[in-house]
Amino acid sequence: MEAFITLAIGVWQIVVVVLLVLLLFGGRKIPELMRGVGQGMREFKKATSEDADDDIVDDTVDKKKIKDGKD
């Protein structure tokens, strides 16, 4: 599937998209947009890692209950 997407998007399509973004937002607004995207990605990674940590803690608590014979 990824190979199909890679082949479907060519260099010229990427150039057109970049030019459209420049025309729509202007050169000064793009760094702000990218900064916002970076912060969003950082928050998403933080939330997913916290969720994974919570799952690990819950699993160890459940294993202790099973080991101790508590239900």
PDB file of N, CA and C in Angstrom:
ATOM      1  N   MET A   1       0.825  -1.195   0.000  1.00  0.00           N
ATOM      2  CA  MET A   1       0.000   0.000   0.000  1.00  0.00           C
ATOM      3  C   MET A   1       0.868   1.258   0.000  1.00  0.00           C
ATOM      4  N   GLU A   2       1.936   1.269   0.800  1.00  0.00           N
ATOM      5  CA  GLU A   2       2.806   2.436   0.853  1.00  0.00           C
ATOM      6  C   GLU A   2       3.506   2.658  -0.482  1.00  0.00           C
ATOM      7  N   ALA A   3       3.870   1.571  -1.154  1.00  0.00           N
ATOM      8  CA  ALA A   3       4.527   1.700  -2.445  1.00  0.00           C
ATOM      9  C   ALA A   3       3.588   2.349  -3.448  1.00  0.00           C
ATOM     10  N   PHE A   4       2.312   2.012  -3.399  1.00  0.00           N
ATOM     11  CA  PHE A   4       1.342   2.610  -4.305  1.00  0.00           C
ATOM     12  C   PHE A   4       1.217   4.108  -4.049  1.00  0.00           C
ATOM     13  N   ILE A   5       1.166   4.499  -2.782  1.00  0.00           N
ATOM     14  CA  ILE A   5       1.054   5.917  -2.444  1.00  0.00           C
ATOM     15  C   ILE A   5       2.305   6.657  -2.886  1.00  0.00           C
ATOM     16  N   THR A   6       3.458   6.055  -2.697  1.00  0.00           N
ATOM     17  CA  THR A   6       4.713   6.685  -3.102  1.00  0.00           C
ATOM     18  C   THR A   6       4.752   6.879  -4.607  1.00  0.00           C
ATOM     19  N   LEU A   7       4.300   5.901  -5.348  1.00  0.00           N
ATOM     20  CA  LEU A   7       4.296   6.010  -6.799  1.00  0.00           C
ATOM     21  C   LEU A   7       3.220   6.969  -7.295  1.00  0.00           C
ATOM     22  N   ALA A   8       2.120   7.078  -6.561  1.00  0.00           N
ATOM     23  CA  ALA A   8       1.020   7.926  -6.989  1.00  0.00           C
ATOM     24  C   ALA A   8       1.338   9.410  -6.818  1.00  0.00           C
ATOM     25  N   ILE A   9       2.217   9.766  -5.902  1.00  0.00           N
ATOM     26  CA  ILE A   9       2.570  11.158  -5.658  1.00  0.00           C
ATOM     27  C   ILE A   9       3.944  11.408  -6.269  1.00  0.00           C
ATOM     28  N   GLY A  10       3.970  12.280  -7.248  1.00  0.00           N
ATOM     29  CA  GLY A  10       5.223  12.590  -7.919  1.00  0.00           C
ATOM     30  C   GLY A  10       5.835  13.877  -7.402  1.00  0.00           C
ATOM     31  N   VAL A  11       6.986  14.201  -7.946  1.00  0.00           N
ATOM     32  CA  VAL A  11       7.711  15.403  -7.537  1.00  0.00           C
ATOM     33  C   VAL A  11       6.893  16.647  -7.879  1.00  0.00           C
ATOM     34  N   TRP A  12       6.278  16.658  -9.064  1.00  0.00           N
ATOM     35  CA  TRP A  12       5.535  17.844  -9.471  1.00  0.00           C
ATOM     36  C   TRP A  12       4.310  18.078  -8.598  1.00  0.00           C
ATOM     37  N   GLN A  13       3.683  17.015  -8.147  1.00  0.00           N
ATOM     38  CA  GLN A  13       2.532  17.188  -7.272  1.00  0.00           C
ATOM     39  C   GLN A  13       2.957  17.803  -5.945  1.00  0.00           C
ATOM     40  N   ILE A  14       4.100  17.376  -5.433  1.00  0.00           N
ATOM     41  CA  ILE A  14       4.619  17.932  -4.183  1.00  0.00           C
ATOM     42  C   ILE A  14       4.957  19.406  -4.361  1.00  0.00           C
ATOM     43  N   VAL A  15       5.568  19.746  -5.494  1.00  0.00           N
ATOM     44  CA  VAL A  15       5.919  21.144  -5.769  1.00  0.00           C
ATOM     45  C   VAL A  15       4.658  22.001  -5.830  1.00  0.00           C
ATOM     46  N   VAL A  16       3.623  21.514  -6.484  1.00  0.00           N
ATOM     47  CA  VAL A  16       2.368  22.262  -6.581  1.00  0.00           C
ATOM     48  C   VAL A  16       1.759  22.467  -5.195  1.00  0.00           C
ATOM     49  N   VAL A  17       1.760  21.448  -4.360  1.00  0.00           N
ATOM     50  CA  VAL A  17       1.198  21.573  -3.015  1.00  0.00           C
ATOM     51  C   VAL A  17       1.987  22.591  -2.200  1.00  0.00           C
ATOM     52  N   VAL A  18       3.301  22.548  -2.284  1.00  0.00           N
ATOM     53  CA  VAL A  18       4.142  23.502  -1.542  1.00  0.00           C
ATOM     54  C   VAL A  18       3.868  24.927  -2.012  1.00  0.00           C
ATOM     55  N   LEU A  19       3.755  25.119  -3.319  1.00  0.00           N
ATOM     56  CA  LEU A  19       3.460  26.454  -3.840  1.00  0.00           C
ATOM     57  C   LEU A  19       2.078  26.938  -3.394  1.00  0.00           C
ATOM     58  N   LEU A  20       1.106  26.059  -3.385  1.00  0.00           N
ATOM     59  CA  LEU A  20      -0.229  26.442  -2.910  1.00  0.00           C
ATOM     60  C   LEU A  20      -0.210  26.839  -1.433  1.00  0.00           C
ATOM     61  N   VAL A  21       0.534  26.096  -0.640  1.00  0.00           N
ATOM     62  CA  VAL A  21       0.641  26.434   0.786  1.00  0.00           C
ATOM     63  C   VAL A  21       1.299  27.796   0.949  1.00  0.00           C
ATOM     64  N   LEU A  22       2.340  28.050   0.177  1.00  0.00           N
ATOM     65  CA  LEU A  22       3.004  29.355   0.238  1.00  0.00           C
ATOM     66  C   LEU A  22       2.053  30.482  -0.165  1.00  0.00           C
ATOM     67  N   LEU A  23       1.273  30.249  -1.202  1.00  0.00           N
ATOM     68  CA  LEU A  23       0.335  31.280  -1.641  1.00  0.00           C
ATOM     69  C   LEU A  23      -0.778  31.519  -0.627  1.00  0.00           C
ATOM     70  N   LEU A  24      -1.273  30.446  -0.036  1.00  0.00           N
ATOM     71  CA  LEU A  24      -2.385  30.583   0.902  1.00  0.00           C
ATOM     72  C   LEU A  24      -1.974  31.197   2.228  1.00  0.00           C
ATOM     73  N   PHE A  25      -0.853  30.757   2.765  1.00  0.00           N
ATOM     74  CA  PHE A  25      -0.480  31.170   4.114  1.00  0.00           C
ATOM     75  C   PHE A  25       0.626  32.218   4.143  1.00  0.00           C
ATOM     76  N   GLY A  26       1.423  32.297   3.127  1.00  0.00           N
ATOM     77  CA  GLY A  26       2.528  33.248   3.102  1.00  0.00           C
ATOM     78  C   GLY A  26       3.738  32.695   3.833  1.00  0.00           C
ATOM     79  N   GLY A  27       4.882  33.261   3.547  1.00  0.00           N
ATOM     80  CA  GLY A  27       6.140  32.772   4.102  1.00  0.00           C
ATOM     81  C   GLY A  27       6.275  32.975   5.600  1.00  0.00           C
ATOM     82  N   ARG A  28       5.641  34.007   6.126  1.00  0.00           N
ATOM     83  CA  ARG A  28       5.786  34.296   7.555  1.00  0.00           C
ATOM     84  C   ARG A  28       4.923  33.387   8.425  1.00  0.00           C
ATOM     85  N   LYS A  29       3.836  32.903   7.893  1.00  0.00           N
ATOM     86  CA  LYS A  29       2.902  32.104   8.681  1.00  0.00           C
ATOM     87  C   LYS A  29       3.326  30.636   8.769  1.00  0.00           C
ATOM     88  N   ILE A  30       4.115  30.164   7.814  1.00  0.00           N
ATOM     89  CA  ILE A  30       4.486  28.746   7.760  1.00  0.00           C
ATOM     90  C   ILE A  30       5.272  28.299   8.994  1.00  0.00           C
ATOM     91  N   PRO A  31       6.267  29.050   9.487  1.00  0.00           N
ATOM     92  CA  PRO A  31       6.950  28.600  10.711  1.00  0.00           C
ATOM     93  C   PRO A  31       6.008  28.451  11.906  1.00  0.00           C
ATOM     94  N   GLU A  32       5.033  29.341  12.012  1.00  0.00           N
ATOM     95  CA  GLU A  32       4.061  29.228  13.094  1.00  0.00           C
ATOM     96  C   GLU A  32       3.223  27.968  12.941  1.00  0.00           C
ATOM     97  N   LEU A  33       2.816  27.666  11.709  1.00  0.00           N
ATOM     98  CA  LEU A  33       2.043  26.456  11.458  1.00  0.00           C
ATOM     99  C   LEU A  33       2.849  25.208  11.797  1.00  0.00           C
ATOM    100  N   MET A  34       4.102  25.180  11.385  1.00  0.00           N
ATOM    101  CA  MET A  34       4.954  24.022  11.649  1.00  0.00           C
ATOM    102  C   MET A  34       5.224  23.870  13.142  1.00  0.00           C
ATOM    103  N   ARG A  35       5.375  24.993  13.840  1.00  0.00           N
ATOM    104  CA  ARG A  35       5.570  24.954  15.284  1.00  0.00           C
ATOM    105  C   ARG A  35       4.340  24.338  15.959  1.00  0.00           C
ATOM    106  N   GLY A  36       3.165  24.729  15.496  1.00  0.00           N
ATOM    107  CA  GLY A  36       1.930  24.166  16.028  1.00  0.00           C
ATOM    108  C   GLY A  36       1.820  22.674  15.753  1.00  0.00           C
ATOM    109  N   VAL A  37       2.228  22.261  14.560  1.00  0.00           N
ATOM    110  CA  VAL A  37       2.209  20.832  14.225  1.00  0.00           C
ATOM    111  C   VAL A  37       3.173  20.070  15.129  1.00  0.00           C
ATOM    112  N   GLY A  38       4.356  20.633  15.352  1.00  0.00           N
ATOM    113  CA  GLY A  38       5.336  19.988  16.230  1.00  0.00           C
ATOM    114  C   GLY A  38       4.831  19.862  17.658  1.00  0.00           C
ATOM    115  N   GLN A  39       4.202  20.901  18.166  1.00  0.00           N
ATOM    116  CA  GLN A  39       3.652  20.844  19.521  1.00  0.00           C
ATOM    117  C   GLN A  39       2.536  19.814  19.610  1.00  0.00           C
ATOM    118  N   GLY A  40       1.720  19.744  18.580  1.00  0.00           N
ATOM    119  CA  GLY A  40       0.648  18.754  18.566  1.00  0.00           C
ATOM    120  C   GLY A  40       1.186  17.334  18.562  1.00  0.00           C
ATOM    121  N   MET A  41       2.236  17.093  17.768  1.00  0.00           N
ATOM    122  CA  MET A  41       2.856  15.768  17.733  1.00  0.00           C
ATOM    123  C   MET A  41       3.473  15.423  19.084  1.00  0.00           C
ATOM    124  N   ARG A  42       4.118  16.409  19.701  1.00  0.00           N
ATOM    125  CA  ARG A  42       4.737  16.191  21.006  1.00  0.00           C
ATOM    126  C   ARG A  42       3.686  15.827  22.056  1.00  0.00           C
ATOM    127  N   GLU A  43       2.573  16.554  22.060  1.00  0.00           N
ATOM    128  CA  GLU A  43       1.499  16.262  23.008  1.00  0.00           C
ATOM    129  C   GLU A  43       0.899  14.880  22.755  1.00  0.00           C
ATOM    130  N   PHE A  44       0.758  14.515  21.477  1.00  0.00           N
ATOM    131  CA  PHE A  44       0.208  13.207  21.138  1.00  0.00           C
ATOM    132  C   PHE A  44       1.128  12.093  21.632  1.00  0.00           C
ATOM    133  N   LYS A  45       2.438  12.245  21.389  1.00  0.00           N
ATOM    134  CA  LYS A  45       3.391  11.238  21.858  1.00  0.00           C
ATOM    135  C   LYS A  45       3.385  11.144  23.377  1.00  0.00           C
ATOM    136  N   LYS A  46       3.298  12.286  24.049  1.00  0.00           N
ATOM    137  CA  LYS A  46       3.267  12.305  25.509  1.00  0.00           C
ATOM    138  C   LYS A  46       2.028  11.590  26.023  1.00  0.00           C
ATOM    139  N   ALA A  47       0.890  11.860  25.403  1.00  0.00           N
ATOM    140  CA  ALA A  47      -0.368  11.229  25.836  1.00  0.00           C
ATOM    141  C   ALA A  47      -0.330   9.722  25.596  1.00  0.00           C
ATOM    142  N   THR A  48       0.210   9.300  24.459  1.00  0.00           N
ATOM    143  CA  THR A  48       0.254   7.856  24.184  1.00  0.00           C
ATOM    144  C   THR A  48       1.244   7.158  25.102  1.00  0.00           C
ATOM    145  N   SER A  49       2.354   7.813  25.432  1.00  0.00           N
ATOM    146  CA  SER A  49       3.311   7.173  26.337  1.00  0.00           C
ATOM    147  C   SER A  49       2.751   7.118  27.759  1.00  0.00           C
ATOM    148  N   GLU A  50       2.015   8.141  28.180  1.00  0.00           N
ATOM    149  CA  GLU A  50       1.384   8.109  29.500  1.00  0.00           C
ATOM    150  C   GLU A  50       0.329   7.019  29.551  1.00  0.00           C
ATOM    151  N   ASP A  51      -0.412   6.847  28.464  1.00  0.00           N
ATOM    152  CA  ASP A  51      -1.427   5.803  28.404  1.00  0.00           C
ATOM    153  C   ASP A  51      -0.772   4.428  28.479  1.00  0.00           C
ATOM    154  N   ALA A  52       0.353   4.254  27.794  1.00  0.00           N
ATOM    155  CA  ALA A  52       1.071   2.978  27.838  1.00  0.00           C
ATOM    156  C   ALA A  52       1.611   2.730  29.250  1.00  0.00           C
ATOM    157  N   ASP A  53       2.102   3.770  29.917  1.00  0.00           N
ATOM    158  CA  ASP A  53       2.595   3.625  31.289  1.00  0.00           C
ATOM    159  C   ASP A  53       1.462   3.238  32.229  1.00  0.00           C
ATOM    160  N   ASP A  54       0.292   3.825  32.017  1.00  0.00           N
ATOM    161  CA  ASP A  54      -0.864   3.477  32.846  1.00  0.00           C
ATOM    162  C   ASP A  54      -1.249   2.020  32.650  1.00  0.00           C
ATOM    163  N   ASP A  55      -1.188   1.537  31.415  1.00  0.00           N
ATOM    164  CA  ASP A  55      -1.512   0.141  31.134  1.00  0.00           C
ATOM    165  C   ASP A  55      -0.523  -0.784  31.830  1.00  0.00           C
ATOM    166  N   ILE A  56       0.750  -0.427  31.833  1.00  0.00           N
ATOM    167  CA  ILE A  56       1.770  -1.249  32.483  1.00  0.00           C
ATOM    168  C   ILE A  56       1.509  -1.302  33.982  1.00  0.00           C
ATOM    169  N   VAL A  57       1.178  -0.170  34.591  1.00  0.00           N
ATOM    170  CA  VAL A  57       0.895  -0.133  36.021  1.00  0.00           C
ATOM    171  C   VAL A  57      -0.344  -0.977  36.322  1.00  0.00           C
ATOM    172  N   ASP A  58      -1.381  -0.848  35.513  1.00  0.00           N
ATOM    173  CA  ASP A  58      -2.596  -1.636  35.719  1.00  0.00           C
ATOM    174  C   ASP A  58      -2.310  -3.124  35.602  1.00  0.00           C
ATOM    175  N   ASP A  59      -1.479  -3.527  34.650  1.00  0.00           N
ATOM    176  CA  ASP A  59      -1.149  -4.937  34.464  1.00  0.00           C
ATOM    177  C   ASP A  59      -0.392  -5.485  35.673  1.00  0.00           C
ATOM    178  N   THR A  60       0.546  -4.707  36.219  1.00  0.00           N
ATOM    179  CA  THR A  60       1.305  -5.195  37.371  1.00  0.00           C
ATOM    180  C   THR A  60       0.408  -5.306  38.592  1.00  0.00           C
ATOM    181  N   VAL A  61      -0.547  -4.380  38.742  1.00  0.00           N
ATOM    182  CA  VAL A  61      -1.483  -4.461  39.863  1.00  0.00           C
ATOM    183  C   VAL A  61      -2.350  -5.704  39.708  1.00  0.00           C
ATOM    184  N   ASP A  62      -2.839  -5.966  38.493  1.00  0.00           N
ATOM    185  CA  ASP A  62      -3.661  -7.148  38.244  1.00  0.00           C
ATOM    186  C   ASP A  62      -2.860  -8.423  38.502  1.00  0.00           C
ATOM    187  N   LYS A  63      -1.615  -8.461  38.096  1.00  0.00           N
ATOM    188  CA  LYS A  63      -0.779  -9.649  38.300  1.00  0.00           C
ATOM    189  C   LYS A  63      -0.536  -9.879  39.788  1.00  0.00           C
ATOM    190  N   LYS A  64      -0.350  -8.796  40.559  1.00  0.00           N
ATOM    191  CA  LYS A  64      -0.153  -8.936  42.003  1.00  0.00           C
ATOM    192  C   LYS A  64      -1.410  -9.497  42.658  1.00  0.00           C
ATOM    193  N   LYS A  65      -2.577  -9.035  42.203  1.00  0.00           N
ATOM    194  CA  LYS A  65      -3.832  -9.537  42.763  1.00  0.00           C
ATOM    195  C   LYS A  65      -3.990 -11.019  42.476  1.00  0.00           C
ATOM    196  N   ILE A  66      -3.654 -11.434  41.254  1.00  0.00           N
ATOM    197  CA  ILE A  66      -3.766 -12.847  40.888  1.00  0.00           C
ATOM    198  C   ILE A  66      -2.770 -13.677  41.685  1.00  0.00           C
ATOM    199  N   LYS A  67      -1.544 -13.152  41.842  1.00  0.00           N
ATOM    200  CA  LYS A  67      -0.489 -13.868  42.569  1.00  0.00           C
ATOM    201  C   LYS A  67      -0.861 -14.024  44.028  1.00  0.00           C
ATOM    202  N   ASP A  68      -1.438 -12.985  44.613  1.00  0.00           N
ATOM    203  CA  ASP A  68      -1.806 -13.025  46.036  1.00  0.00           C
ATOM    204  C   ASP A  68      -3.120 -13.787  46.270  1.00  0.00           C
ATOM    205  N   GLY A  69      -3.830 -14.113  45.201  1.00  0.00           N
ATOM    206  CA  GLY A  69      -5.086 -14.826  45.338  1.00  0.00           C
ATOM    207  C   GLY A  69      -6.262 -13.919  45.592  1.00  0.00           C
ATOM    208  N   LYS A  70      -6.055 -12.631  45.432  1.00  0.00           N
ATOM    209  CA  LYS A  70      -7.148 -11.688  45.618  1.00  0.00           C
ATOM    210  C   LYS A  70      -7.835 -11.486  44.283  1.00  0.00           C
ATOM    211  N   ASP A  71      -9.119 -11.197  44.344  1.00  0.00           N
ATOM    212  CA  ASP A  71      -9.856 -11.010  43.112  1.00  0.00           C
ATOM    213  C   ASP A  71     -10.388  -9.641  42.958  1.00  0.00           C
TER     214      ASP A  71
END
